[in-house]
Protein backbone atom coordinates (compact mmCIF):
# COMPACT_ATOMS: atom_id res chain seq x y z
CA MET A 1 -17.40 79.81 -79.99
CA MET A 2 -17.66 81.90 -83.27
CA SER A 3 -17.89 80.04 -86.52
CA GLU A 4 -15.16 80.04 -89.14
CA LEU A 5 -17.30 82.17 -91.52
CA THR A 6 -17.70 84.95 -88.98
CA PHE A 7 -13.98 84.92 -88.27
CA ASN A 8 -13.14 85.20 -91.97
CA LEU A 9 -15.57 88.14 -92.39
CA LEU A 10 -14.00 90.03 -89.48
CA ARG A 11 -10.51 89.43 -90.87
CA LEU A 12 -11.61 90.68 -94.31
CA GLY A 13 -13.14 93.82 -92.76
CA TYR A 14 -9.96 94.49 -90.82
CA LEU A 15 -7.88 94.20 -94.00
CA LEU A 16 -10.24 96.59 -95.82
CA LEU A 17 -9.92 99.17 -93.03
CA LEU A 18 -6.13 98.79 -93.07
CA TRP A 19 -5.93 99.36 -96.84
CA LEU A 20 -8.31 102.37 -96.56
CA PHE A 21 -6.00 103.89 -93.95
CA VAL A 22 -2.95 103.29 -96.17
CA PHE A 23 -4.63 104.91 -99.20
CA SER A 24 -5.66 107.97 -97.09
CA ALA A 25 -2.09 108.42 -95.79
CA VAL A 26 -0.68 108.18 -99.33
CA ALA A 27 -3.18 110.81 -100.62
CA VAL A 28 -2.25 113.22 -97.81
CA LEU A 29 1.47 112.79 -98.50
CA ARG A 30 1.04 113.38 -102.23
CA ARG A 31 -0.97 116.57 -101.62
CA ASP A 32 1.66 117.88 -99.16
CA ILE A 33 4.49 117.13 -101.60
CA SER A 34 2.62 118.92 -104.44
CA ILE A 35 2.06 122.09 -102.35
CA ARG A 36 5.71 122.21 -101.22
CA GLY A 37 6.89 121.77 -104.82
CA ARG A 38 4.84 124.75 -106.05
CA SER A 39 6.12 126.96 -103.20
CA ALA A 40 9.74 126.05 -103.97
CA ALA A 41 9.27 126.83 -107.68
CA THR A 42 7.79 130.26 -106.92
CA LYS A 43 10.65 131.13 -104.57
CA ALA A 44 13.24 130.04 -107.12
CA ASP A 45 11.68 132.34 -109.75
CA GLU A 46 12.08 135.34 -107.44
CA GLU A 47 15.72 134.72 -106.49
CA PRO A 48 18.58 136.31 -108.51
CA GLY A 49 20.14 133.87 -110.91
CA SER A 50 16.97 131.96 -111.60
CA ALA A 51 15.61 131.61 -115.11
CA ALA A 52 12.50 133.67 -114.35
CA TRP A 53 14.32 136.46 -112.45
CA VAL A 54 14.83 139.69 -114.44
CA ASN A 55 17.40 142.35 -113.46
CA PRO A 56 15.65 145.74 -113.45
CA SER A 57 18.74 147.36 -115.00
CA GLU A 58 18.56 144.88 -117.90
CA ALA A 59 14.88 145.39 -118.58
CA PRO A 60 14.05 145.79 -122.29
CA ILE A 61 13.92 149.38 -123.57
CA THR A 62 10.54 150.43 -124.89
CA ASN A 63 9.44 153.51 -126.85
CA GLU A 64 7.14 154.77 -124.13
CA VAL A 65 7.34 158.49 -123.41
CA PRO A 66 8.97 159.07 -120.01
CA ALA A 67 6.83 160.67 -117.36
CA SER A 68 9.46 163.31 -116.56
CA PRO A 69 8.64 166.99 -117.27
CA SER A 70 11.62 167.32 -119.69
CA PRO A 71 10.88 169.19 -122.96
CA VAL A 72 9.55 167.08 -125.81
CA PRO A 73 10.93 167.68 -129.33
CA SER A 74 8.43 169.01 -131.83
CA GLY A 75 8.67 165.76 -133.81
CA GLY A 76 8.17 163.55 -130.76
CA TRP A 77 10.60 161.15 -129.16
CA PRO A 78 12.80 159.10 -131.57
CA GLY A 79 10.87 156.14 -132.86
CA ASN A 80 7.65 157.29 -131.26
CA GLN A 81 4.84 159.20 -132.92
CA VAL A 82 3.23 160.33 -129.64
CA SER A 83 3.31 164.11 -129.17
CA VAL A 84 3.19 165.40 -125.63
CA PRO A 85 2.12 169.09 -125.34
CA VAL A 86 4.50 171.15 -123.27
CA PRO A 87 2.52 173.30 -120.79
CA THR A 88 3.21 177.00 -121.05
CA PRO A 89 3.13 179.15 -117.95
CA ALA A 90 0.01 181.22 -117.64
CA THR A 91 0.59 184.92 -117.96
CA SER A 92 -0.49 187.02 -115.04
CA ALA A 93 -0.35 190.62 -114.02
CA PRO A 94 2.83 191.71 -112.29
CA ILE A 95 2.82 191.40 -108.54
CA VAL A 96 3.53 194.62 -106.79
CA VAL A 97 5.07 194.03 -103.39
CA GLY A 98 5.57 196.96 -101.10
CA PRO A 99 6.38 197.48 -97.46
CA GLY A 100 4.26 195.27 -95.23
CA ALA A 101 3.26 192.93 -98.07
CA ALA A 102 2.78 189.27 -97.25
CA ALA A 103 5.85 187.07 -97.65
CA SER A 104 3.84 184.69 -99.80
CA GLY A 105 3.96 187.18 -102.66
CA ALA A 106 0.22 187.74 -102.78
CA PRO A 107 -0.81 190.58 -105.15
CA VAL A 108 -0.83 193.90 -103.39
CA SER A 109 -2.84 196.83 -104.68
CA PRO A 110 -0.71 199.85 -105.51
CA PRO A 111 -1.11 202.83 -103.22
CA PRO A 112 -3.49 205.53 -104.39
CA GLU A 113 -1.98 208.34 -106.36
CA PRO A 114 -1.15 211.35 -104.23
CA ILE A 115 -3.57 214.23 -104.41
CA VAL A 116 -1.79 217.28 -105.74
CA VAL A 117 -3.10 220.38 -104.07
CA GLY A 118 -2.49 223.44 -106.17
CA PRO A 119 -2.83 227.08 -105.27
CA PRO A 120 -6.31 228.14 -104.19
CA ARG A 121 -8.55 229.56 -106.84
CA GLN A 122 -8.60 233.31 -106.93
CA PRO A 123 -11.82 235.35 -107.10
CA ARG A 124 -12.58 236.83 -110.48
CA TYR A 125 -15.19 239.50 -109.78
CA LEU A 126 -16.30 242.09 -107.28
CA SER A 127 -20.06 241.76 -107.04
CA ILE A 128 -22.19 244.65 -105.74
CA THR A 129 -25.23 243.20 -103.99
CA THR A 130 -27.00 246.27 -102.49
CA GLY A 131 -27.06 250.02 -103.15
CA ALA A 132 -27.41 252.11 -106.28
CA LEU A 133 -25.07 249.81 -108.24
CA ALA A 134 -26.64 246.52 -107.07
CA GLY A 135 -26.20 243.75 -109.64
CA SER A 136 -22.99 245.22 -111.07
CA MET A 137 -19.88 243.03 -111.52
CA LEU A 138 -16.39 244.55 -111.56
CA PRO A 139 -13.66 242.26 -113.01
CA LEU A 140 -10.58 241.78 -110.84
CA THR A 141 -7.49 242.45 -112.96
CA GLY A 142 -4.88 242.33 -110.19
CA LEU A 143 -4.75 246.14 -109.88
CA PRO A 144 -5.84 247.99 -106.73
CA ILE A 145 -9.44 249.19 -106.60
CA THR A 146 -10.28 252.44 -104.82
CA ILE A 147 -13.79 252.98 -103.50
CA GLY A 148 -15.50 256.25 -102.52
CA ARG A 149 -17.68 259.17 -103.54
CA ALA A 150 -14.98 261.02 -105.53
CA ALA A 151 -15.00 260.59 -109.30
CA SER A 152 -11.31 259.61 -109.28
CA ASN A 153 -12.07 256.27 -107.60
CA THR A 154 -12.24 252.99 -109.48
CA LEU A 155 -15.64 252.25 -107.89
CA VAL A 156 -17.73 255.39 -107.29
CA PHE A 157 -20.53 255.25 -104.71
CA ASP A 158 -22.90 258.24 -104.94
CA ASP A 159 -23.76 257.94 -101.27
CA ASP A 160 -23.79 260.60 -98.59
CA TYR A 161 -22.43 258.05 -96.07
CA ALA A 162 -19.40 257.35 -98.26
CA SER A 163 -16.25 259.46 -97.93
CA GLY A 164 -14.43 260.89 -100.95
CA HIS A 165 -11.79 258.16 -100.71
CA HIS A 166 -13.48 255.68 -98.40
CA ALA A 167 -11.62 252.36 -98.84
CA ARG A 168 -9.46 250.40 -101.19
CA LEU A 169 -9.11 246.77 -102.30
CA TYR A 170 -5.74 245.38 -103.41
CA PRO A 171 -4.16 241.94 -104.01
CA ALA A 172 -1.56 240.51 -101.61
CA ALA A 173 0.17 237.20 -101.00
CA GLU A 174 -2.60 236.16 -98.62
CA GLY A 175 -5.35 237.12 -101.09
CA TRP A 176 -7.37 240.29 -101.63
CA VAL A 177 -7.15 242.81 -98.82
CA VAL A 178 -9.72 245.47 -97.98
CA GLU A 179 -8.53 248.59 -96.15
CA ASP A 180 -10.47 251.45 -94.63
CA LEU A 181 -8.88 254.85 -95.50
CA ASN A 182 -9.88 256.67 -92.29
CA SER A 183 -13.42 257.15 -93.55
CA THR A 184 -15.96 259.20 -91.64
CA ASN A 185 -18.70 256.57 -91.30
CA GLY A 186 -16.43 253.51 -91.34
CA THR A 187 -16.28 250.26 -93.28
CA PHE A 188 -17.92 247.03 -92.10
CA LEU A 189 -16.50 243.58 -92.86
CA GLY A 190 -19.05 240.81 -92.33
CA GLY A 191 -21.09 243.20 -90.17
CA ALA A 192 -18.15 244.14 -87.90
CA PRO A 193 -16.32 247.49 -88.07
CA LEU A 194 -13.06 247.30 -89.99
CA THR A 195 -9.98 248.87 -88.45
CA GLY A 196 -7.04 249.22 -90.81
CA ALA A 197 -6.70 246.38 -93.35
CA ALA A 198 -7.87 242.75 -93.38
CA VAL A 199 -7.93 239.87 -95.81
CA LEU A 200 -11.29 239.67 -97.58
CA PRO A 201 -12.51 236.08 -97.95
CA VAL A 202 -14.69 235.12 -100.89
CA GLY A 203 -18.39 235.64 -100.17
CA VAL A 204 -17.91 237.85 -97.07
CA PRO A 205 -19.84 241.11 -97.53
CA VAL A 206 -18.26 244.56 -97.15
CA THR A 207 -20.61 247.45 -96.38
CA ILE A 208 -19.91 251.10 -97.16
CA GLY A 209 -22.87 253.43 -96.53
CA HIS A 210 -25.90 251.91 -98.28
CA SER A 211 -23.84 249.73 -100.62
CA THR A 212 -22.56 246.19 -100.08
CA PHE A 213 -20.12 244.20 -102.21
CA GLU A 214 -18.24 240.86 -102.02
CA LEU A 215 -15.72 238.77 -103.90
CA VAL A 216 -17.05 235.98 -106.14
CA MET A 217 -15.40 233.29 -108.24
């Protein structure tokens, strides 16, 4: 049978454990109440009508420059000394858009200027390359040139193979034309016998007897 002292000690220990449990429960309750109070206060601040809630439409007006791209007066906004530079559009070369250009408006190079083809250059001289008059140059004036052994010709060839009036050279719409005048020994154009008249190209030799001539620029 336990003694009275042991019984009293056990009872005292039990009371201490009971009070420790009570104090722990009270501390937990106080902490829970404190957390719930802070949450309720925060929610009340965010709700309309509370003392901490601010209507966005009633927010105080400040002198800050708005972020919109509207033009800024040269003196700045009223009551504000901040100057905001207004960007100016960069100048650029005009965009030429022609048929087939991209819809995005990308620059398109202009077409090359048309090449104007004028009338062909006309020969300026009759050059004698072989024969007694080799090295001579006869200017072309637009008048017919007669060729032969007779002194009445424009170009006189002292050649036994040349007829008195052997051939003639005259301008036409197609160019200069050489014509054989029914000569005895014939006229050769580029080495081939000439029958009647033919256009004389520049640089093509004409042979009469021992003499040869051609048109030059």
